[in-house]
N, C-alpha and C. Protein backbone atom coordinates (compact mmCIF):
# COMPACT_ATOMS: atom_id res chain seq x y z
N UNK A 1 0.85 -1.19 0.00
CA UNK A 1 0.00 0.00 0.00
C UNK A 1 0.89 1.24 0.00
N UNK A 2 0.53 2.22 -0.81
CA UNK A 2 1.30 3.45 -0.91
C UNK A 2 0.98 4.37 0.26
N UNK A 3 2.00 4.96 0.82
CA UNK A 3 1.87 5.88 1.94
C UNK A 3 1.02 7.09 1.52
N UNK A 4 -0.04 7.43 2.26
CA UNK A 4 -0.90 8.56 1.89
C UNK A 4 -0.15 9.90 1.85
N UNK A 5 0.85 10.07 2.71
CA UNK A 5 1.61 11.31 2.71
C UNK A 5 2.40 11.43 1.41
N UNK A 6 2.99 10.33 0.97
CA UNK A 6 3.72 10.33 -0.30
C UNK A 6 2.77 10.59 -1.47
N UNK A 7 1.58 9.97 -1.41
CA UNK A 7 0.59 10.21 -2.47
C UNK A 7 0.19 11.68 -2.53
N UNK A 8 -0.02 12.30 -1.37
CA UNK A 8 -0.40 13.71 -1.33
C UNK A 8 0.73 14.60 -1.84
N UNK A 9 1.96 14.27 -1.47
CA UNK A 9 3.11 15.03 -1.94
C UNK A 9 3.21 14.95 -3.46
N UNK A 10 3.08 13.75 -4.00
CA UNK A 10 3.15 13.57 -5.46
C UNK A 10 1.99 14.26 -6.16
N UNK A 11 0.81 14.24 -5.55
CA UNK A 11 -0.35 14.93 -6.11
C UNK A 11 -0.07 16.42 -6.25
N UNK A 12 0.47 17.04 -5.20
CA UNK A 12 0.78 18.47 -5.26
C UNK A 12 1.82 18.76 -6.33
N UNK A 13 2.84 17.91 -6.45
CA UNK A 13 3.86 18.11 -7.48
C UNK A 13 3.25 18.04 -8.87
N UNK A 14 2.40 17.06 -9.11
CA UNK A 14 1.75 16.92 -10.41
C UNK A 14 0.86 18.12 -10.70
N UNK A 15 0.11 18.53 -9.72
CA UNK A 15 -0.80 19.65 -9.88
C UNK A 15 -0.05 20.94 -10.19
N UNK A 16 1.06 21.16 -9.52
CA UNK A 16 1.83 22.38 -9.72
C UNK A 16 2.53 22.41 -11.06
N UNK A 17 2.78 21.25 -11.65
CA UNK A 17 3.47 21.19 -12.93
C UNK A 17 2.51 21.00 -14.10
N UNK A 18 1.23 20.96 -13.84
CA UNK A 18 0.24 20.79 -14.91
C UNK A 18 0.19 22.04 -15.76
N UNK A 19 -0.29 21.89 -16.98
CA UNK A 19 -0.41 23.04 -17.88
C UNK A 19 -1.44 24.03 -17.38
N UNK A 20 -1.32 25.25 -17.82
CA UNK A 20 -2.21 26.31 -17.35
C UNK A 20 -3.66 26.10 -17.76
N UNK A 21 -3.91 25.23 -18.73
CA UNK A 21 -5.29 24.96 -19.12
C UNK A 21 -5.99 24.05 -18.11
N UNK A 22 -5.23 23.45 -17.21
CA UNK A 22 -5.77 22.53 -16.21
C UNK A 22 -6.09 23.30 -14.93
N UNK A 23 -7.38 23.33 -14.55
CA UNK A 23 -7.77 23.98 -13.31
C UNK A 23 -7.60 22.98 -12.18
N UNK A 24 -7.07 23.29 -11.03
CA UNK A 24 -6.64 24.59 -10.55
C UNK A 24 -5.16 24.89 -10.76
N UNK A 25 -4.50 24.18 -11.68
CA UNK A 25 -3.08 24.45 -11.92
C UNK A 25 -2.84 25.90 -12.33
N UNK A 26 -3.81 26.52 -12.98
CA UNK A 26 -3.65 27.91 -13.38
C UNK A 26 -3.50 28.82 -12.17
N UNK A 27 -4.07 28.43 -11.05
CA UNK A 27 -3.95 29.20 -9.81
C UNK A 27 -2.73 28.74 -9.01
N UNK A 28 -2.47 27.44 -9.03
CA UNK A 28 -1.42 26.87 -8.19
C UNK A 28 -0.03 26.87 -8.82
N UNK A 29 0.10 27.31 -10.06
CA UNK A 29 1.41 27.29 -10.69
C UNK A 29 2.38 28.13 -9.85
N UNK A 30 3.49 27.52 -9.51
CA UNK A 30 4.49 28.20 -8.70
C UNK A 30 4.39 27.89 -7.22
N UNK A 31 3.36 27.16 -6.81
CA UNK A 31 3.23 26.81 -5.39
C UNK A 31 4.37 25.86 -5.01
N UNK A 32 4.89 26.02 -3.82
CA UNK A 32 5.98 25.17 -3.33
C UNK A 32 5.54 24.49 -2.05
N UNK A 33 5.76 23.20 -2.00
CA UNK A 33 5.41 22.43 -0.81
C UNK A 33 6.47 22.66 0.26
N UNK A 34 6.05 23.05 1.44
CA UNK A 34 6.94 23.24 2.57
C UNK A 34 6.97 21.96 3.41
N UNK A 35 5.78 21.40 3.67
CA UNK A 35 5.68 20.22 4.52
C UNK A 35 4.39 19.47 4.21
N UNK A 36 4.49 18.16 4.15
CA UNK A 36 3.31 17.31 4.05
C UNK A 36 3.45 16.23 5.11
N UNK A 37 2.50 16.16 6.01
CA UNK A 37 2.46 15.14 7.04
C UNK A 37 1.05 14.56 7.08
N UNK A 38 0.81 13.63 7.95
CA UNK A 38 -0.50 13.02 8.04
C UNK A 38 -1.52 14.06 8.49
N UNK A 39 -2.37 14.49 7.56
CA UNK A 39 -3.40 15.47 7.85
C UNK A 39 -2.94 16.91 7.85
N UNK A 40 -1.69 17.15 7.48
CA UNK A 40 -1.15 18.52 7.49
C UNK A 40 -0.44 18.79 6.16
N UNK A 41 -0.78 19.90 5.54
CA UNK A 41 -0.11 20.33 4.32
C UNK A 41 0.23 21.80 4.47
N UNK A 42 1.49 22.15 4.24
CA UNK A 42 1.91 23.54 4.28
C UNK A 42 2.61 23.86 2.96
N UNK A 43 2.20 24.95 2.34
CA UNK A 43 2.78 25.37 1.07
C UNK A 43 3.01 26.87 1.11
N UNK A 44 3.79 27.34 0.13
CA UNK A 44 3.99 28.78 -0.02
C UNK A 44 3.81 29.13 -1.49
N UNK A 45 3.38 30.36 -1.72
CA UNK A 45 3.09 30.82 -3.06
C UNK A 45 3.37 32.31 -3.15
N UNK A 46 4.00 32.72 -4.25
CA UNK A 46 4.18 34.14 -4.52
C UNK A 46 3.07 34.57 -5.47
N UNK A 47 2.39 35.64 -5.12
CA UNK A 47 1.26 36.13 -5.89
C UNK A 47 1.75 36.71 -7.22
N UNK A 48 1.13 36.28 -8.32
CA UNK A 48 1.47 36.79 -9.64
C UNK A 48 0.21 37.34 -10.32
N UNK A 49 0.39 37.90 -11.50
CA UNK A 49 -0.73 38.50 -12.24
C UNK A 49 -1.88 37.53 -12.46
N UNK A 50 -1.59 36.25 -12.59
CA UNK A 50 -2.62 35.28 -12.97
C UNK A 50 -3.71 35.13 -11.90
N UNK A 51 -3.45 35.54 -10.66
CA UNK A 51 -4.46 35.40 -9.60
C UNK A 51 -4.93 36.74 -9.05
N UNK A 52 -4.58 37.82 -9.73
CA UNK A 52 -4.97 39.14 -9.25
C UNK A 52 -6.35 39.54 -9.73
N UNK A 53 -7.07 40.22 -8.89
CA UNK A 53 -8.35 40.81 -9.27
C UNK A 53 -8.11 42.19 -9.86
N UNK A 54 -9.19 42.88 -10.20
CA UNK A 54 -9.10 44.21 -10.82
C UNK A 54 -8.45 45.25 -9.90
N UNK A 55 -8.55 45.03 -8.58
CA UNK A 55 -7.99 46.00 -7.64
C UNK A 55 -6.52 45.76 -7.32
N UNK A 56 -5.90 44.76 -7.96
CA UNK A 56 -4.48 44.49 -7.75
C UNK A 56 -4.16 43.60 -6.57
N UNK A 57 -5.18 43.03 -5.94
CA UNK A 57 -4.97 42.09 -4.85
C UNK A 57 -5.42 40.71 -5.29
N UNK A 58 -5.03 39.69 -4.53
CA UNK A 58 -5.40 38.32 -4.89
C UNK A 58 -6.92 38.20 -4.97
N UNK A 59 -7.39 37.59 -6.03
CA UNK A 59 -8.83 37.43 -6.26
C UNK A 59 -9.39 36.47 -5.22
N UNK A 60 -10.56 36.80 -4.67
CA UNK A 60 -11.14 35.94 -3.63
C UNK A 60 -11.48 34.54 -4.16
N UNK A 61 -11.76 34.41 -5.45
CA UNK A 61 -11.98 33.09 -6.04
C UNK A 61 -10.71 32.25 -6.00
N UNK A 62 -9.56 32.90 -6.18
CA UNK A 62 -8.28 32.19 -6.08
C UNK A 62 -8.04 31.73 -4.64
N UNK A 63 -8.40 32.58 -3.68
CA UNK A 63 -8.27 32.20 -2.26
C UNK A 63 -9.13 30.97 -1.98
N UNK A 64 -10.37 30.96 -2.47
CA UNK A 64 -11.26 29.83 -2.25
C UNK A 64 -10.71 28.56 -2.90
N UNK A 65 -10.19 28.68 -4.12
CA UNK A 65 -9.62 27.52 -4.81
C UNK A 65 -8.42 26.97 -4.06
N UNK A 66 -7.58 27.86 -3.54
CA UNK A 66 -6.42 27.43 -2.75
C UNK A 66 -6.87 26.73 -1.47
N UNK A 67 -7.85 27.30 -0.79
CA UNK A 67 -8.35 26.70 0.45
C UNK A 67 -8.92 25.30 0.19
N UNK A 68 -9.71 25.17 -0.85
CA UNK A 68 -10.33 23.89 -1.17
C UNK A 68 -9.28 22.84 -1.52
N UNK A 69 -8.34 23.21 -2.36
CA UNK A 69 -7.31 22.27 -2.78
C UNK A 69 -6.42 21.85 -1.62
N UNK A 70 -6.01 22.81 -0.81
CA UNK A 70 -5.13 22.49 0.32
C UNK A 70 -5.86 21.65 1.37
N UNK A 71 -7.12 21.98 1.65
CA UNK A 71 -7.89 21.20 2.62
C UNK A 71 -8.11 19.77 2.16
N UNK A 72 -8.46 19.61 0.89
CA UNK A 72 -8.67 18.26 0.36
C UNK A 72 -7.37 17.47 0.35
N UNK A 73 -6.25 18.13 0.05
CA UNK A 73 -4.95 17.45 0.05
C UNK A 73 -4.57 17.03 1.46
N UNK A 74 -4.89 17.84 2.45
CA UNK A 74 -4.61 17.46 3.84
C UNK A 74 -5.40 16.21 4.23
N UNK A 75 -6.65 16.14 3.82
CA UNK A 75 -7.46 14.96 4.09
C UNK A 75 -6.90 13.75 3.35
N UNK A 76 -6.51 13.96 2.09
CA UNK A 76 -5.91 12.92 1.28
C UNK A 76 -4.63 12.39 1.94
N UNK A 77 -3.82 13.29 2.55
CA UNK A 77 -2.57 12.88 3.18
C UNK A 77 -2.80 12.05 4.44
N UNK A 78 -3.99 12.12 4.99
CA UNK A 78 -4.32 11.33 6.18
C UNK A 78 -4.97 10.00 5.81
N UNK A 79 -5.06 9.72 4.50
CA UNK A 79 -5.62 8.46 4.06
C UNK A 79 -7.05 8.55 3.59
N UNK A 80 -7.65 9.73 3.67
CA UNK A 80 -9.01 9.91 3.19
C UNK A 80 -9.07 9.87 1.68
N UNK A 81 -10.21 9.51 1.15
CA UNK A 81 -10.33 9.39 -0.30
C UNK A 81 -11.12 10.54 -0.92
N UNK A 82 -11.84 11.28 -0.12
CA UNK A 82 -12.61 12.40 -0.64
C UNK A 82 -12.91 13.36 0.52
N UNK A 83 -13.33 14.54 0.14
CA UNK A 83 -13.63 15.54 1.17
C UNK A 83 -14.83 16.37 0.76
N UNK A 84 -15.59 16.76 1.74
CA UNK A 84 -16.64 17.74 1.54
C UNK A 84 -16.16 18.99 2.25
N UNK A 85 -16.11 20.08 1.52
CA UNK A 85 -15.53 21.30 2.06
C UNK A 85 -16.62 22.36 2.20
N UNK A 86 -16.71 22.94 3.37
CA UNK A 86 -17.59 24.08 3.62
C UNK A 86 -16.67 25.27 3.87
N UNK A 87 -16.53 26.12 2.87
CA UNK A 87 -15.60 27.24 2.98
C UNK A 87 -16.26 28.44 3.64
N UNK A 88 -15.58 28.97 4.62
CA UNK A 88 -16.02 30.18 5.29
C UNK A 88 -14.76 30.94 5.68
N UNK A 89 -14.54 32.07 5.04
CA UNK A 89 -13.32 32.80 5.33
C UNK A 89 -13.58 34.29 5.34
N UNK A 90 -12.75 34.99 6.11
CA UNK A 90 -12.82 36.45 6.18
C UNK A 90 -11.46 36.99 5.75
N UNK A 91 -11.49 38.00 4.91
CA UNK A 91 -10.25 38.61 4.44
C UNK A 91 -10.07 39.94 5.15
N UNK A 92 -9.11 40.00 6.05
CA UNK A 92 -8.82 41.24 6.75
C UNK A 92 -7.88 42.11 5.93
N UNK A 93 -7.02 41.46 5.19
CA UNK A 93 -6.08 42.15 4.32
C UNK A 93 -5.74 41.18 3.20
N UNK A 94 -5.79 41.65 1.97
CA UNK A 94 -5.52 40.75 0.86
C UNK A 94 -4.10 40.95 0.34
N UNK A 95 -3.55 39.88 -0.20
CA UNK A 95 -2.19 39.91 -0.71
C UNK A 95 -2.12 40.65 -2.03
N UNK A 96 -1.04 41.37 -2.22
CA UNK A 96 -0.80 42.10 -3.46
C UNK A 96 0.27 41.37 -4.28
N UNK A 97 0.45 41.79 -5.52
CA UNK A 97 1.39 41.16 -6.44
C UNK A 97 2.79 41.07 -5.82
N UNK A 98 3.42 39.92 -6.03
CA UNK A 98 4.77 39.59 -5.57
C UNK A 98 4.87 39.42 -4.05
N UNK A 99 3.75 39.40 -3.36
CA UNK A 99 3.76 39.10 -1.93
C UNK A 99 3.84 37.60 -1.75
N UNK A 100 4.45 37.18 -0.69
CA UNK A 100 4.62 35.79 -0.34
C UNK A 100 3.51 35.42 0.64
N UNK A 101 2.79 34.34 0.36
CA UNK A 101 1.76 33.88 1.29
C UNK A 101 2.05 32.44 1.70
N UNK A 102 1.69 32.11 2.91
CA UNK A 102 1.83 30.74 3.41
C UNK A 102 0.44 30.13 3.48
N UNK A 103 0.35 28.87 3.07
CA UNK A 103 -0.93 28.16 3.06
C UNK A 103 -0.79 26.96 3.97
N UNK A 104 -1.64 26.89 4.97
CA UNK A 104 -1.56 25.80 5.92
C UNK A 104 -2.93 25.54 6.53
N UNK A 105 -3.71 24.64 5.92
CA UNK A 105 -5.04 24.37 6.45
C UNK A 105 -4.99 23.40 7.63
N UNK A 106 -5.36 23.84 8.77
CA UNK A 106 -5.53 22.95 9.93
C UNK A 106 -6.25 23.65 11.01
């Protein structure tokens, strides 16, 4: 049996290297895995033009896509096969172009 943490790590690598026509790779391109453990995924991403909204900050749809993908990957790393995600988030300050953000759902 393949280790779920290894499967999750490989999944993130494949997703990050997918072509831009593949959703959510268009949002996740450039994401770097910091740590993958059982039920924990930490990544970092530098904000680029591809995820900016009209106001020059990260688009809230991109935030939602990142949250969903990272949460599902954390469940996948713990051996789960699927996830139901109920997203609820508040943006106190949004990231601007070339800002570094850390992603860690837990």
